[in-house]
């Protein structure tokens, strides 16, 4: 039976409406698109700000790398000020490895503080200033984009106290003077005395370390005429060592101590400069005071 025209038109309208709804659904934007569309006026300035900061930061780093002589320092300073105004500042300064180096010297060598422009800080210049401090052997300096400055220092180890022309200073094993202050904190260190003793004392101290009893009784290592060594014992005795044969003499002295407690005797000097003999000088015995002889008193009578 043929369909009536009225029914056909109703079916066509329903089909066309369904197709229209499907097309509208396919053209509807997603939730992310709607969110981005609403925030487009805010995102665009933020993007340009981030891009500008990146370009400024990269420019400052590039100028610093390509211009170590500082011929374009004015450009670096302007870039640092611009990025500092945009929020790129030093947030924290971390120093590791500090033991004996005075903190005020480290702060002065770093040359920046929390809140200063981050890109105005030069790791290379700070490293050079830190390594000019006597206590510091080497330094590693990092500038991080999160606002942190990380510094790792490696200090020289104090080895001995050097006495020279009435002055005292702390030196390392190589003889470099690292401090002339706060000597009380380094009392247990060996005492080196004499011109050049700070450069040559490490080898003699190593030889003493092989004979603990000799080292324990030694108060000072004295270089005589920049040529040979004396050991000054705690009891005041001087041990005269042979030139260039100190280790053998120290070993012999240790054997004498074990066999006869030689270093514990009240002696002025123990002369070991001759290879085939030992010369010992004792304290001179005081001579008794002579009393006048008793006799008859002279007089008239």
Protein backbone atom coordinates (compact mmCIF):
# COMPACT_ATOMS: atom_id res chain seq x y z
CA UNK A 1 0.00 0.00 0.00
CA UNK A 2 1.38 3.35 -0.90
CA UNK A 3 2.43 5.75 1.82
CA UNK A 4 0.53 8.91 2.16
CA UNK A 5 2.31 12.19 1.37
CA UNK A 6 1.65 13.44 4.91
CA UNK A 7 3.49 10.49 6.49
CA UNK A 8 6.43 10.83 4.18
CA UNK A 9 6.88 14.43 5.07
CA UNK A 10 6.80 13.57 8.80
CA UNK A 11 9.53 10.92 8.39
CA UNK A 12 11.66 13.25 6.33
CA UNK A 13 11.45 15.94 8.96
CA UNK A 14 12.50 13.49 11.72
CA UNK A 15 15.45 12.23 9.66
CA UNK A 16 16.61 15.72 8.85
CA UNK A 17 16.38 16.75 12.52
CA UNK A 18 18.50 13.74 13.60
CA UNK A 19 21.15 14.54 11.00
CA UNK A 20 21.23 18.15 12.17
CA UNK A 21 21.78 17.15 15.79
CA UNK A 22 24.65 14.83 14.78
CA UNK A 23 26.34 17.58 12.81
CA UNK A 24 25.96 20.04 15.70
CA UNK A 25 27.50 17.54 18.09
CA UNK A 26 30.49 16.99 15.82
CA UNK A 27 31.05 20.75 15.56
CA UNK A 28 30.84 21.33 19.37
CA UNK A 29 34.26 22.31 20.85
CA UNK A 30 35.86 20.11 23.55
CA UNK A 31 36.16 21.15 27.22
CA UNK A 32 39.88 21.99 26.80
CA UNK A 33 39.09 24.19 23.80
CA UNK A 34 36.41 26.02 25.72
CA UNK A 35 38.82 26.55 28.69
CA UNK A 36 41.56 27.85 26.42
CA UNK A 37 39.11 30.06 24.54
CA UNK A 38 37.92 31.70 27.74
CA UNK A 39 41.50 32.28 29.03
CA UNK A 40 43.07 33.38 25.77
CA UNK A 41 43.26 37.05 26.84
CA UNK A 42 45.31 36.05 29.93
CA UNK A 43 47.52 33.35 28.35
CA UNK A 44 48.86 35.48 25.55
CA UNK A 45 50.59 38.12 27.79
CA UNK A 46 51.96 35.38 30.06
CA UNK A 47 53.45 33.62 27.02
CA UNK A 48 55.15 36.78 25.85
CA UNK A 49 56.52 37.50 29.34
CA UNK A 50 58.00 33.98 29.60
CA UNK A 51 59.47 34.29 26.11
CA UNK A 52 61.01 37.66 26.98
CA UNK A 53 62.56 36.34 30.19
CA UNK A 54 64.01 33.40 28.32
CA UNK A 55 65.54 35.66 25.72
CA UNK A 56 66.95 38.01 28.36
CA UNK A 57 68.41 35.16 30.40
CA UNK A 58 69.90 33.51 27.35
CA UNK A 59 71.35 36.83 26.24
CA UNK A 60 72.99 37.40 29.60
CA UNK A 61 74.50 33.94 29.65
CA UNK A 62 75.69 34.32 26.04
CA UNK A 63 77.31 37.69 26.74
CA UNK A 64 79.00 36.29 29.85
CA UNK A 65 80.36 33.29 27.93
CA UNK A 66 81.53 35.18 24.84
CA UNK A 67 82.89 38.22 26.66
CA UNK A 68 85.11 37.02 29.55
CA UNK A 69 87.09 40.28 29.40
CA UNK A 70 83.99 42.22 30.33
CA UNK A 71 84.01 44.58 27.34
CA UNK A 72 80.21 44.46 27.22
CA UNK A 73 79.65 44.40 30.96
CA UNK A 74 77.11 47.23 30.61
CA UNK A 75 74.91 44.92 28.53
CA UNK A 76 75.16 42.14 31.10
CA UNK A 77 74.28 44.57 33.87
CA UNK A 78 71.22 45.82 31.99
CA UNK A 79 70.06 42.30 31.31
CA UNK A 80 70.60 41.35 34.96
CA UNK A 81 68.58 44.35 36.11
CA UNK A 82 65.78 43.53 33.69
CA UNK A 83 65.58 39.88 34.74
CA UNK A 84 65.89 40.86 38.40
CA UNK A 85 62.94 43.16 38.01
CA UNK A 86 61.03 40.27 36.47
CA UNK A 87 61.62 38.07 39.51
CA UNK A 88 64.88 36.22 38.67
CA UNK A 89 66.74 36.91 41.92
CA UNK A 90 69.04 34.98 44.25
CA UNK A 91 66.82 32.90 46.52
CA UNK A 92 69.46 31.07 48.60
CA UNK A 93 73.23 30.65 48.84
CA UNK A 94 74.50 27.21 49.85
CA UNK A 95 78.15 26.80 50.96
CA UNK A 96 79.58 23.34 51.59
CA UNK A 97 83.01 22.28 52.86
CA UNK A 98 83.76 25.25 55.11
CA UNK A 99 85.66 24.35 58.29
CA UNK A 100 88.51 26.77 58.93
CA UNK A 101 87.94 29.51 56.36
CA UNK A 102 86.40 32.59 58.06
CA UNK A 103 82.78 33.00 56.96
CA UNK A 104 83.15 36.73 56.42
CA UNK A 105 85.89 36.08 53.83
CA UNK A 106 83.61 33.64 52.00
CA UNK A 107 80.71 36.11 51.98
CA UNK A 108 82.94 38.87 50.61
CA UNK A 109 84.29 36.58 47.89
CA UNK A 110 80.81 35.47 46.79
CA UNK A 111 79.92 39.11 46.23
CA UNK A 112 76.13 38.75 46.16
CA UNK A 113 73.25 38.40 48.61
CA UNK A 114 69.79 36.91 48.70
CA UNK A 115 67.49 39.17 46.69
CA UNK A 116 70.15 40.40 44.24
CA UNK A 117 69.61 39.79 40.49
CA UNK A 118 70.51 36.19 39.72
CA UNK A 119 72.09 36.89 36.34
CA UNK A 120 74.20 39.66 37.84
CA UNK A 121 76.21 36.99 39.69
CA UNK A 122 79.27 35.62 37.88
CA UNK A 123 80.27 32.08 38.96
CA UNK A 124 83.68 32.46 37.29
CA UNK A 125 84.56 35.65 39.16
CA UNK A 126 83.32 34.24 42.48
CA UNK A 127 85.43 31.11 41.94
CA UNK A 128 88.55 33.21 41.31
CA UNK A 129 87.94 35.29 44.43
CA UNK A 130 87.32 32.23 46.59
CA UNK A 131 90.49 30.50 45.41
CA UNK A 132 92.52 33.61 46.29
CA UNK A 133 91.75 32.95 49.98
CA UNK A 134 94.73 31.18 51.60
CA UNK A 135 92.62 28.48 53.27
CA UNK A 136 90.86 27.45 50.02
CA UNK A 137 92.65 25.12 47.63
CA UNK A 138 89.81 24.93 45.06
CA UNK A 139 86.18 25.94 44.72
CA UNK A 140 83.21 24.91 42.56
CA UNK A 141 80.48 27.51 41.99
CA UNK A 142 77.07 26.87 40.36
CA UNK A 143 74.28 29.30 39.52
CA UNK A 144 70.95 27.49 39.15
CA UNK A 145 67.88 28.86 37.38
CA UNK A 146 65.73 28.13 40.44
CA UNK A 147 67.51 31.02 42.17
CA UNK A 148 70.07 28.97 44.12
CA UNK A 149 73.83 29.52 44.22
CA UNK A 150 75.69 26.37 45.29
CA UNK A 151 79.35 26.60 46.34
CA UNK A 152 81.60 23.64 47.22
CA UNK A 153 84.99 24.57 48.69
CA UNK A 154 87.97 22.32 49.32
CA UNK A 155 90.20 23.62 52.09
CA UNK A 156 93.87 23.06 52.67
CA UNK A 157 94.61 20.87 55.68
CA UNK A 158 96.55 22.49 58.51
CA UNK A 159 99.77 20.58 59.06
CA UNK A 160 102.01 22.48 61.47
CA UNK A 161 102.68 25.77 63.21
CA UNK A 162 105.70 27.59 61.84
CA UNK A 163 107.73 29.89 64.07
CA UNK A 164 109.87 32.37 62.20
CA UNK A 165 111.43 35.60 63.46
CA UNK A 166 109.15 35.64 66.45
CA UNK A 167 105.97 35.19 64.38
CA UNK A 168 103.70 32.14 64.27
CA UNK A 169 101.53 30.88 61.41
CA UNK A 170 99.61 27.75 60.44
CA UNK A 171 100.96 26.02 57.31
CA UNK A 172 99.88 23.06 55.19
CA UNK A 173 102.14 20.15 54.18
CA UNK A 174 103.49 22.11 51.22
CA UNK A 175 104.50 24.99 53.47
CA UNK A 176 101.81 27.40 52.33
CA UNK A 177 100.78 29.81 55.09
CA UNK A 178 97.02 29.46 55.56
CA UNK A 179 96.42 31.48 58.73
CA UNK A 180 98.14 33.63 61.30
CA UNK A 181 95.07 33.96 63.53
CA UNK A 182 93.29 31.76 66.09
CA UNK A 183 96.40 29.66 66.69
CA UNK A 184 94.95 28.30 69.92
CA UNK A 185 92.70 26.00 67.90
CA UNK A 186 95.77 24.31 66.37
CA UNK A 187 97.81 23.65 69.50
CA UNK A 188 98.34 19.90 68.89
CA UNK A 189 100.04 20.54 65.54
CA UNK A 190 103.82 20.04 65.24
CA UNK A 191 105.99 23.11 65.80
CA UNK A 192 108.47 23.98 63.04
CA UNK A 193 111.18 26.53 63.83
CA UNK A 194 113.59 28.33 61.53
CA UNK A 195 113.96 29.78 58.06
CA UNK A 196 112.66 27.31 55.46
CA UNK A 197 111.38 24.85 58.06
CA UNK A 198 107.80 25.18 56.78
CA UNK A 199 108.78 23.81 53.36
CA UNK A 200 110.89 20.89 54.62
CA UNK A 201 109.16 19.85 57.83
CA UNK A 202 106.74 17.29 56.35
CA UNK A 203 109.45 14.78 55.44
CA UNK A 204 111.02 14.92 58.92
CA UNK A 205 107.63 14.57 60.60
CA UNK A 206 106.89 11.47 58.51
CA UNK A 207 110.19 9.97 59.69
CA UNK A 208 109.23 10.76 63.30
CA UNK A 209 105.90 8.97 62.79
CA UNK A 210 107.78 5.68 62.39
CA UNK A 211 109.04 6.02 65.99
CA UNK A 212 106.03 7.01 68.15
CA UNK A 213 108.07 7.24 71.38
CA UNK A 214 110.44 9.73 69.79
CA UNK A 215 107.60 11.77 68.32
CA UNK A 216 105.71 11.85 71.62
CA UNK A 217 108.73 13.36 73.39
CA UNK A 218 109.47 15.92 70.65
CA UNK A 219 108.30 19.47 71.19
CA UNK A 220 109.72 21.21 68.12
CA UNK A 221 111.54 20.50 64.86
CA UNK A 222 114.29 23.11 64.49
CA UNK A 223 116.01 23.72 61.16
CA UNK A 224 119.58 24.94 61.75
CA UNK A 225 121.09 27.25 59.11
CA UNK A 226 118.59 25.88 56.54
CA UNK A 227 120.80 22.79 56.42
CA UNK A 228 120.12 20.20 59.13
CA UNK A 229 117.62 19.45 61.91
CA UNK A 230 117.56 19.42 65.69
CA UNK A 231 114.80 17.86 67.77
CA UNK A 232 113.88 19.88 70.85
CA UNK A 233 112.43 17.48 73.43
CA UNK A 234 109.84 18.44 76.02
CA UNK A 235 112.42 18.07 78.80
CA UNK A 236 114.70 20.63 77.12
CA UNK A 237 117.19 18.20 75.55
CA UNK A 238 118.38 18.94 72.01
CA UNK A 239 118.90 15.99 69.66
CA UNK A 240 121.35 16.92 66.88
CA UNK A 241 120.50 14.94 63.73
CA UNK A 242 122.94 14.28 60.87
CA UNK A 243 122.33 16.12 57.61
CA UNK A 244 120.44 14.04 55.00
CA UNK A 245 120.31 10.98 57.29
CA UNK A 246 117.54 11.99 59.64
CA UNK A 247 115.39 8.86 59.26
CA UNK A 248 118.22 6.47 60.21
CA UNK A 249 119.17 8.62 63.22
CA UNK A 250 115.55 8.76 64.43
CA UNK A 251 115.29 4.97 64.19
CA UNK A 252 118.52 4.60 66.17
CA UNK A 253 117.21 7.07 68.77
CA UNK A 254 114.07 4.98 69.13
CA UNK A 255 116.12 1.86 69.79
CA UNK A 256 118.18 3.69 72.43
CA UNK A 257 114.99 4.84 74.11
CA UNK A 258 113.64 1.31 74.25
CA UNK A 259 116.89 -0.13 75.59
CA UNK A 260 118.06 2.57 78.00
CA UNK A 261 115.38 5.33 78.19
CA UNK A 262 117.98 7.76 76.86
CA UNK A 263 115.56 10.62 76.13
CA UNK A 264 114.20 10.57 79.68
CA UNK A 265 117.56 11.45 81.22
CA UNK A 266 118.43 15.03 82.26
CA UNK A 267 120.73 15.81 79.31
CA UNK A 268 121.69 18.99 77.55
CA UNK A 269 122.19 17.40 74.14
CA UNK A 270 122.35 14.09 72.29
CA UNK A 271 124.68 14.52 69.33
CA UNK A 272 124.02 11.95 66.59
CA UNK A 273 125.83 13.70 63.76
CA UNK A 274 128.71 11.19 63.69
CA UNK A 275 127.73 7.82 62.22
CA UNK A 276 130.03 5.72 64.45
CA UNK A 277 129.55 7.33 67.84
CA UNK A 278 127.05 9.01 70.13
CA UNK A 279 128.02 12.10 72.10
CA UNK A 280 125.96 12.93 75.16
CA UNK A 281 126.31 16.18 77.07
CA UNK A 282 125.01 16.18 80.60
CA UNK A 283 123.95 19.06 82.73
CA UNK A 284 127.00 20.37 84.60
CA UNK A 285 126.96 19.49 88.28
CA UNK A 286 126.99 22.56 90.51
CA UNK A 287 130.26 23.00 92.38
CA UNK A 288 129.99 23.12 96.17
CA UNK A 289 130.51 26.50 97.75
CA UNK A 290 133.76 26.51 99.78
CA UNK A 291 133.39 27.72 103.34
CA UNK A 292 136.23 29.65 105.01
CA UNK A 293 138.36 27.44 107.30
CA UNK A 294 137.70 27.65 110.95
CA UNK A 295 140.64 29.02 112.94
CA UNK A 296 141.57 30.94 116.03
CA UNK A 297 140.33 34.46 116.05
CA UNK A 298 143.14 36.97 115.91
CA UNK A 299 143.34 39.64 118.56
CA UNK A 300 145.32 41.15 121.25
CA UNK A 301 145.54 39.48 124.61
